Amino acid sequence: MTVMHSNGDIPHATDVPNCTADLSIEDVKQELYNRHHPSLTFLDIEAHAKTIHKIRTLKQKHNVVMLGHNYMEPLVFGLSAKEEQGDSLGLSMYAANTEAPYLIFNGVPFMAETAKILNPSKTVLVADKTAGCSLADNFGAEDVRELKSLYPGAPVMIYINSYADAKAESDICCTSANAAHIAKTMPGDTLIFVPDIFFAQNLEEELRGEKNIVYPGKDNMARGAVCEVHEKFTLDDLISIRESFEIPKGHAHRKLYAHWECRPDVLKEADFYGSTSQIMKDIAERVAENELERAFVASECELTSNLAQEFPEVQFWTACSVRCSHMARVNLNKITNILEAIDQKADISEFEITLSPEIIDKARAPIERMLEASA
């Protein structure tokens, strides 16, 4: 596993303002340089400033909300205003409160589907509709129905990282931040959790003695899935990282973070585990208390790239070879193509997320139940 060092000894980043009126390409370049982002090189900035300027100009001209997922590479992530950045559900909920006619979701299609479900009257667009997800692609509505037939009467809790047709067959959704809480609110002693097998095993351990968590492959032949990014992290990797970068377990100011989607033994080795938002919150709280000097995040490498800009006080290390190939399909040129099509009033069907009214209604119900249970 290739590991990259992000220098924590850099000035605080400068946010890119949302207003683009009269902003020149040279202004854009200067803003990018002012970020002092450890992963943005001179060549990156000089090569892409013109494209970024065009994107920002067209975004403002057509009142486009551009939702940026935390796993986007820095130049793409920086296209979104601070309030437009976050995880897939948070972004979809934010979009529900905007009057903008166009929503461009810089993420993968299942995320954009959730935005469409919560915003059915808006035009939701994604840069590459062929970008997938190892969790969502390998689990669908038929797989939910199979598990329901094996465990009749047991409620189904589905991870938000799934397509609308699978959500439509489920009772309630969850995110990695609220899964344990949502599970406890469900009736009965048995709960079906889909589709993430590692997440299910971690949830099973978390709720041992409280809920019987049933999942694909546990005493059944049902098909499940794992995240192709988080599955790459092994216990041996984390032990090696601790030794190589001097992050001993229990150190007061050096922490190793892991995501719920990692293997159970990886979570046990981590100093802190949780969702992306929970990891970011823990980092922010420790930084505010001047209690974090070094960190490794066992997750998508671009998350760490973006954390390095937000928290320049921290020396971040990341596995730069562990990158989501699907998220990486979203790039500046493809985003430009969407905006040019809008500007020219051309056909946008290759970018637009469409769902039938029936699927929207059925998939919306488990999402709304989750939101009610989380209130």
Protein backbone atom coordinates (compact mmCIF):
# COMPACT_ATOMS: atom_id res chain seq x y z
CA MET A 1 0.00 0.00 0.00
CA THR A 2 1.54 3.29 -1.13
CA VAL A 3 1.40 5.99 1.53
CA MET A 4 1.70 9.72 0.95
CA HIS A 5 2.72 12.39 3.42
CA SER A 6 0.78 15.64 3.60
CA ASN A 7 2.76 18.47 5.14
CA GLY A 8 0.94 19.83 8.17
CA ASP A 9 3.21 22.88 8.47
CA ILE A 10 1.47 25.18 5.99
CA PRO A 11 -0.59 28.39 6.26
CA HIS A 12 -4.36 28.27 6.59
CA ALA A 13 -6.23 27.82 3.35
CA THR A 14 -8.26 30.57 1.74
CA ASP A 15 -11.79 29.65 0.73
CA VAL A 16 -12.75 30.36 -2.87
CA PRO A 17 -15.55 32.96 -2.82
CA ASN A 18 -18.84 32.05 -4.43
CA CYS A 19 -19.15 35.30 -6.39
CA THR A 20 -17.60 35.09 -9.85
CA ALA A 21 -18.63 38.45 -11.33
CA ASP A 22 -15.66 40.15 -13.02
CA LEU A 23 -13.35 37.40 -11.77
CA SER A 24 -10.49 36.87 -14.21
CA ILE A 25 -8.53 33.71 -14.91
CA GLU A 26 -5.59 35.28 -13.10
CA ASP A 27 -7.83 35.87 -10.07
CA VAL A 28 -8.79 32.19 -10.13
CA LYS A 29 -5.14 31.17 -10.29
CA GLN A 30 -4.29 33.39 -7.34
CA GLU A 31 -7.15 31.93 -5.30
CA LEU A 32 -5.92 28.43 -6.03
CA TYR A 33 -2.37 29.36 -5.03
CA ASN A 34 -3.70 30.97 -1.85
CA ARG A 35 -5.16 27.66 -0.76
CA HIS A 36 -1.59 26.40 -0.16
CA HIS A 37 -3.07 22.97 -0.73
CA PRO A 38 -0.39 20.27 -0.22
CA SER A 39 -1.62 18.18 -3.15
CA LEU A 40 -2.09 21.00 -5.69
CA THR A 41 1.01 21.59 -7.77
CA PHE A 42 1.99 24.54 -9.94
CA LEU A 43 1.19 22.43 -13.01
CA ASP A 44 -2.29 21.55 -11.68
CA ILE A 45 -3.19 25.16 -11.13
CA GLU A 46 -1.78 26.53 -14.38
CA ALA A 47 -3.31 23.72 -16.45
CA HIS A 48 -6.81 23.90 -14.99
CA ALA A 49 -7.42 27.55 -14.02
CA LYS A 50 -9.11 28.39 -17.33
CA THR A 51 -11.52 25.45 -17.01
CA ILE A 52 -12.30 26.28 -13.38
CA HIS A 53 -12.99 29.89 -14.34
CA LYS A 54 -15.42 28.74 -17.03
CA ILE A 55 -17.19 26.35 -14.65
CA ARG A 56 -17.62 29.02 -12.00
CA THR A 57 -18.86 31.55 -14.53
CA LEU A 58 -21.50 29.20 -15.97
CA LYS A 59 -22.47 27.95 -12.52
CA GLN A 60 -23.29 31.48 -11.44
CA LYS A 61 -24.94 32.44 -14.75
CA HIS A 62 -27.44 29.58 -14.56
CA ASN A 63 -27.93 29.54 -10.78
CA VAL A 64 -26.61 26.00 -10.46
CA VAL A 65 -26.18 24.31 -7.09
CA MET A 66 -23.05 22.17 -7.32
CA LEU A 67 -22.98 19.51 -4.62
CA GLY A 68 -19.46 18.30 -3.80
CA HIS A 69 -18.93 14.97 -2.07
CA ASN A 70 -16.06 14.69 0.42
CA TYR A 71 -14.36 12.07 -1.78
CA MET A 72 -13.96 14.38 -4.77
CA GLU A 73 -10.42 15.38 -5.72
CA PRO A 74 -9.51 18.89 -4.47
CA LEU A 75 -9.99 20.86 -7.69
CA VAL A 76 -13.49 19.40 -8.11
CA PHE A 77 -14.34 19.63 -4.42
CA GLY A 78 -13.33 23.29 -4.41
CA LEU A 79 -15.91 24.12 -7.08
CA SER A 80 -18.61 23.82 -4.42
CA ALA A 81 -19.26 26.48 -1.81
CA LYS A 82 -18.75 25.40 1.79
CA GLU A 83 -22.45 24.78 2.32
CA GLU A 84 -22.55 22.65 -0.85
CA GLN A 85 -19.89 20.22 0.46
CA GLY A 86 -20.48 17.10 2.54
CA ASP A 87 -21.67 13.50 2.47
CA SER A 88 -24.31 12.16 0.11
CA LEU A 89 -27.34 12.42 2.41
CA GLY A 90 -26.38 15.79 3.86
CA LEU A 91 -25.97 17.19 0.37
CA SER A 92 -29.32 15.81 -0.76
CA MET A 93 -31.03 17.36 2.27
CA TYR A 94 -29.32 20.68 1.59
CA ALA A 95 -30.52 20.56 -2.00
CA ALA A 96 -34.11 20.09 -0.83
CA ASN A 97 -34.04 23.62 0.58
CA THR A 98 -32.76 25.40 -2.51
CA GLU A 99 -34.75 27.07 -5.27
CA ALA A 100 -32.03 26.48 -7.86
CA PRO A 101 -33.39 24.85 -11.03
CA TYR A 102 -30.31 22.68 -11.60
CA LEU A 103 -28.47 20.42 -9.15
CA ILE A 104 -25.13 19.03 -10.29
CA PHE A 105 -24.04 16.26 -7.93
CA ASN A 106 -20.29 15.75 -8.03
CA GLY A 107 -20.39 12.16 -6.87
CA VAL A 108 -21.70 8.86 -8.23
CA PRO A 109 -25.22 8.15 -9.55
CA PHE A 110 -26.69 6.50 -6.41
CA MET A 111 -25.97 9.77 -4.57
CA ALA A 112 -27.63 11.80 -7.30
CA GLU A 113 -30.62 9.44 -7.13
CA THR A 114 -31.09 10.30 -3.46
CA ALA A 115 -31.00 13.99 -4.37
CA LYS A 116 -33.65 13.35 -7.05
CA ILE A 117 -35.84 11.41 -4.62
CA LEU A 118 -35.79 14.30 -2.16
CA ASN A 119 -36.06 16.91 -4.93
CA PRO A 120 -38.28 15.32 -7.60
CA SER A 121 -39.20 18.63 -9.27
CA LYS A 122 -35.58 19.66 -9.84
CA THR A 123 -33.22 18.69 -12.64
CA VAL A 124 -30.48 16.55 -11.06
CA LEU A 125 -27.33 15.98 -13.10
CA VAL A 126 -24.18 13.94 -12.66
CA ALA A 127 -20.95 14.20 -14.66
CA ASP A 128 -20.68 10.49 -15.46
CA LYS A 129 -23.73 8.24 -15.25
CA THR A 130 -21.53 5.19 -15.87
CA ALA A 131 -19.62 5.74 -12.61
CA GLY A 132 -20.68 3.00 -10.25
CA CYS A 133 -20.23 1.81 -6.67
CA SER A 134 -19.19 -1.67 -5.60
CA LEU A 135 -21.89 -1.61 -2.91
CA ALA A 136 -24.77 -0.34 -5.03
CA ASP A 137 -23.82 -2.11 -8.27
CA ASN A 138 -23.72 -5.55 -6.69
CA PHE A 139 -27.02 -5.40 -4.81
CA GLY A 140 -30.50 -4.66 -6.07
CA ALA A 141 -34.21 -4.97 -5.43
CA GLU A 142 -34.27 -8.71 -6.10
CA ASP A 143 -31.60 -9.27 -3.46
CA VAL A 144 -33.71 -7.41 -0.89
CA ARG A 145 -36.74 -9.52 -1.77
CA GLU A 146 -34.71 -12.73 -1.36
CA LEU A 147 -33.67 -11.83 2.17
CA LYS A 148 -37.21 -10.78 3.06
CA SER A 149 -38.42 -14.21 1.96
CA LEU A 150 -35.79 -15.91 4.12
CA TYR A 151 -36.67 -13.87 7.21
CA PRO A 152 -40.39 -13.06 6.91
CA GLY A 153 -41.52 -10.25 9.16
CA ALA A 154 -38.03 -8.92 9.87
CA PRO A 155 -37.66 -5.24 8.96
CA VAL A 156 -35.06 -4.28 6.36
CA MET A 157 -32.60 -1.46 7.01
CA ILE A 158 -30.70 -0.45 3.89
CA TYR A 159 -27.52 1.57 3.74
CA ILE A 160 -27.90 4.85 1.87
CA ASN A 161 -25.16 3.58 -0.50
CA SER A 162 -27.69 1.77 -2.69
CA TYR A 163 -29.82 2.42 -5.74
CA ALA A 164 -33.41 3.61 -5.60
CA ASP A 165 -34.92 0.27 -6.63
CA ALA A 166 -33.32 -1.46 -3.64
CA LYS A 167 -34.37 1.34 -1.30
CA ALA A 168 -37.92 0.98 -2.58
CA GLU A 169 -38.02 -2.62 -1.29
CA SER A 170 -36.75 -1.68 2.18
CA ASP A 171 -38.36 -0.42 5.36
CA ILE A 172 -35.87 2.21 6.42
CA CYS A 173 -32.58 3.74 5.26
CA CYS A 174 -29.53 4.53 7.32
CA THR A 175 -26.19 6.25 6.94
CA SER A 176 -22.93 5.20 8.51
CA ALA A 177 -23.46 7.99 11.05
CA ASN A 178 -26.88 6.86 12.28
CA ALA A 179 -27.00 3.10 11.59
CA ALA A 180 -26.65 1.98 15.22
CA HIS A 181 -29.27 4.47 16.39
CA ILE A 182 -31.72 3.60 13.60
CA ALA A 183 -31.30 -0.13 14.24
CA LYS A 184 -32.31 0.31 17.88
CA THR A 185 -35.54 2.06 16.86
CA MET A 186 -36.72 -0.83 14.69
CA PRO A 187 -39.33 -3.24 16.03
CA GLY A 188 -38.51 -6.83 16.99
CA ASP A 189 -35.29 -8.60 17.89
CA THR A 190 -34.13 -9.33 14.33
CA LEU A 191 -33.11 -6.77 11.74
CA ILE A 192 -32.01 -7.37 8.14
CA PHE A 193 -29.14 -5.06 7.18
CA VAL A 194 -28.03 -4.65 3.56
CA PRO A 195 -25.91 -4.54 1.48
CA ASP A 196 -22.49 -3.93 3.12
CA ILE A 197 -21.19 -7.15 4.71
CA PHE A 198 -18.31 -5.58 6.67
CA PHE A 199 -20.53 -2.77 7.89
CA ALA A 200 -23.09 -5.39 8.96
CA GLN A 201 -20.47 -7.33 10.90
CA ASN A 202 -19.34 -4.17 12.64
CA LEU A 203 -22.94 -3.25 13.43
CA GLU A 204 -23.54 -6.76 14.75
CA GLU A 205 -20.66 -6.31 17.19
CA GLU A 206 -21.82 -2.84 18.17
CA LEU A 207 -25.36 -4.07 18.96
CA ARG A 208 -24.48 -7.46 20.43
CA GLY A 209 -27.10 -8.37 23.00
CA GLU A 210 -29.52 -5.76 21.69
CA LYS A 211 -30.34 -6.85 18.13
CA ASN A 212 -29.86 -9.93 15.98
CA ILE A 213 -28.40 -8.47 12.79
CA VAL A 214 -29.07 -10.60 9.71
CA TYR A 215 -27.09 -9.83 6.57
CA PRO A 216 -26.09 -11.40 3.25
CA GLY A 217 -23.88 -14.43 3.75
CA LYS A 218 -24.70 -14.91 7.43
CA ASP A 219 -26.25 -18.40 7.57
CA ASN A 220 -27.66 -17.82 4.09
CA MET A 221 -26.56 -17.78 0.46
CA ALA A 222 -27.86 -14.29 -0.28
CA ARG A 223 -25.63 -11.91 -2.20
CA GLY A 224 -24.09 -8.93 -0.45
CA ALA A 225 -21.32 -6.47 -1.22
CA VAL A 226 -18.35 -4.65 0.25
CA CYS A 227 -16.78 -1.27 -0.50
CA GLU A 228 -13.89 -1.84 -2.88
CA VAL A 229 -12.00 1.05 -1.28
CA HIS A 230 -12.39 0.27 2.40
CA GLU A 231 -11.89 -3.47 1.97
CA LYS A 232 -8.31 -2.77 0.85
CA PHE A 233 -7.26 -1.78 4.35
CA THR A 234 -6.08 -4.74 6.42
CA LEU A 235 -4.99 -5.16 10.02
CA ASP A 236 -1.41 -5.64 8.84
CA ASP A 237 -1.63 -2.32 6.98
CA LEU A 238 -2.70 -0.45 10.09
CA ILE A 239 -0.03 -2.05 12.25
CA SER A 240 2.58 -1.14 9.64
CA ILE A 241 1.28 2.42 9.44
CA ARG A 242 1.49 2.80 13.21
CA GLU A 243 5.10 1.67 13.16
CA SER A 244 6.19 3.60 10.08
CA PHE A 245 4.63 6.93 10.98
CA GLU A 246 4.91 6.75 14.74
CA ILE A 247 1.20 6.68 15.58
CA PRO A 248 1.20 4.34 18.60
CA LYS A 249 -2.18 3.18 19.81
CA GLY A 250 -3.53 5.43 22.51
CA HIS A 251 -1.22 8.37 21.75
CA ALA A 252 -2.74 11.59 23.04
CA HIS A 253 -2.11 13.65 19.89
CA ARG A 254 -1.72 11.12 17.08
CA LYS A 255 -4.73 9.17 15.82
CA LEU A 256 -5.55 6.44 13.36
CA TYR A 257 -9.08 6.69 11.95
CA ALA A 258 -11.16 4.02 10.21
CA HIS A 259 -14.54 3.98 8.47
CA TRP A 260 -17.50 1.74 9.35
CA GLU A 261 -17.10 0.03 5.97
CA CYS A 262 -13.67 -1.39 6.86
CA ARG A 263 -13.07 -4.94 8.10
CA PRO A 264 -13.96 -5.62 11.76
CA ASP A 265 -10.33 -6.20 12.82
CA VAL A 266 -9.38 -2.86 11.23
CA LEU A 267 -11.99 -1.05 13.34
CA LYS A 268 -10.69 -2.73 16.49
CA GLU A 269 -7.17 -1.51 15.72
CA ALA A 270 -8.25 2.09 15.01
CA ASP A 271 -8.18 4.82 17.63
CA PHE A 272 -11.49 6.12 16.32
CA TYR A 273 -14.00 4.71 13.87
CA GLY A 274 -17.19 6.09 12.42
CA SER A 275 -18.75 7.70 9.38
CA THR A 276 -16.98 10.31 7.27
CA SER A 277 -18.85 13.08 9.08
CA GLN A 278 -18.06 11.57 12.49
CA ILE A 279 -14.37 11.30 11.62
CA MET A 280 -14.31 14.90 10.43
CA LYS A 281 -16.11 16.05 13.57
CA ASP A 282 -13.65 14.25 15.83
CA ILE A 283 -10.72 15.78 13.96
CA ALA A 284 -12.28 19.26 14.16
CA GLU A 285 -12.89 18.94 17.91
CA ARG A 286 -9.36 17.75 18.56
CA VAL A 287 -7.91 20.55 16.43
CA ALA A 288 -10.00 23.11 18.31
CA GLU A 289 -8.51 21.81 21.56
CA ASN A 290 -5.00 21.70 20.06
CA GLU A 291 -4.98 17.94 20.63
CA LEU A 292 -4.19 16.54 17.18
CA GLU A 293 -0.79 16.76 15.50
CA ARG A 294 -0.76 13.70 13.23
CA ALA A 295 -3.45 11.47 11.72
CA PHE A 296 -4.01 8.65 9.26
CA VAL A 297 -7.49 8.11 7.80
CA ALA A 298 -8.25 4.62 6.47
CA SER A 299 -10.63 5.77 3.76
CA GLU A 300 -10.71 7.21 0.24
CA CYS A 301 -7.47 9.14 -0.24
CA GLU A 302 -9.13 12.31 -1.56
CA LEU A 303 -10.96 12.66 1.76
CA THR A 304 -7.58 13.13 3.38
CA SER A 305 -6.55 15.55 0.63
CA ASN A 306 -9.54 17.73 1.50
CA LEU A 307 -8.99 17.34 5.24
CA ALA A 308 -5.39 18.50 4.77
CA GLN A 309 -6.68 21.80 3.41
CA GLU A 310 -9.33 22.24 6.09
CA PHE A 311 -6.99 21.39 8.96
CA PRO A 312 -3.49 22.53 7.97
CA GLU A 313 -2.35 22.25 11.59
CA VAL A 314 -2.45 18.46 11.30
CA GLN A 315 0.15 16.28 9.61
CA PHE A 316 -1.97 13.88 7.58
CA TRP A 317 -0.86 10.60 6.06
CA THR A 318 -2.93 8.76 3.49
CA ALA A 319 -2.83 5.64 1.35
CA CYS A 320 -2.61 7.41 -2.00
CA SER A 321 -3.10 4.12 -3.89
CA VAL A 322 -6.50 3.59 -2.26
CA ARG A 323 -8.76 5.66 -4.45
CA CYS A 324 -12.32 5.10 -5.63
CA SER A 325 -12.08 4.59 -9.38
CA HIS A 326 -15.76 5.49 -9.71
CA MET A 327 -15.50 8.82 -7.89
CA ALA A 328 -12.40 9.58 -9.96
CA ARG A 329 -14.52 9.51 -13.13
CA VAL A 330 -15.93 12.89 -12.13
CA ASN A 331 -13.56 15.52 -13.46
CA LEU A 332 -13.43 19.16 -14.52
CA ASN A 333 -13.93 18.48 -18.23
CA LYS A 334 -17.07 16.40 -17.68
CA ILE A 335 -18.52 19.03 -15.34
CA THR A 336 -17.80 21.65 -18.00
CA ASN A 337 -19.71 19.53 -20.54
CA ILE A 338 -22.83 19.65 -18.35
CA LEU A 339 -22.68 23.41 -17.91
CA GLU A 340 -22.03 24.03 -21.61
CA ALA A 341 -25.06 21.90 -22.49
CA ILE A 342 -27.19 23.95 -20.09
CA ASP A 343 -25.78 27.19 -21.49
CA GLN A 344 -26.44 26.15 -25.08
CA LYS A 345 -29.88 24.72 -24.26
CA ALA A 346 -28.66 21.40 -25.64
CA ASP A 347 -29.73 17.87 -24.78
CA ILE A 348 -28.73 17.05 -21.17
CA SER A 349 -30.16 13.53 -21.04
CA GLU A 350 -26.72 11.90 -20.86
CA PHE A 351 -26.21 13.65 -17.52
CA GLU A 352 -29.73 13.73 -16.08
CA ILE A 353 -30.91 11.37 -13.34
CA THR A 354 -34.45 10.21 -14.01
CA LEU A 355 -36.62 7.95 -11.85
CA SER A 356 -40.22 6.87 -12.26
CA PRO A 357 -42.78 8.51 -9.96
CA GLU A 358 -43.51 5.08 -8.49
CA ILE A 359 -39.87 4.44 -7.56
CA ILE A 360 -39.51 7.97 -6.17
CA ASP A 361 -42.56 7.45 -3.93
CA LYS A 362 -41.46 4.02 -2.73
CA ALA A 363 -37.82 4.98 -2.19
CA ARG A 364 -38.70 8.23 -0.48
CA ALA A 365 -40.60 6.44 2.29
CA PRO A 366 -37.59 4.64 3.89
CA ILE A 367 -35.51 7.83 3.62
CA GLU A 368 -38.21 9.87 5.36
CA ARG A 369 -38.55 7.22 8.07
CA MET A 370 -34.81 7.50 8.69
CA LEU A 371 -35.02 11.28 8.94
CA GLU A 372 -37.92 11.03 11.38
CA ALA A 373 -36.09 8.46 13.51
CA SER A 374 -32.97 10.64 13.54
CA ALA A 375 -34.77 13.84 14.56
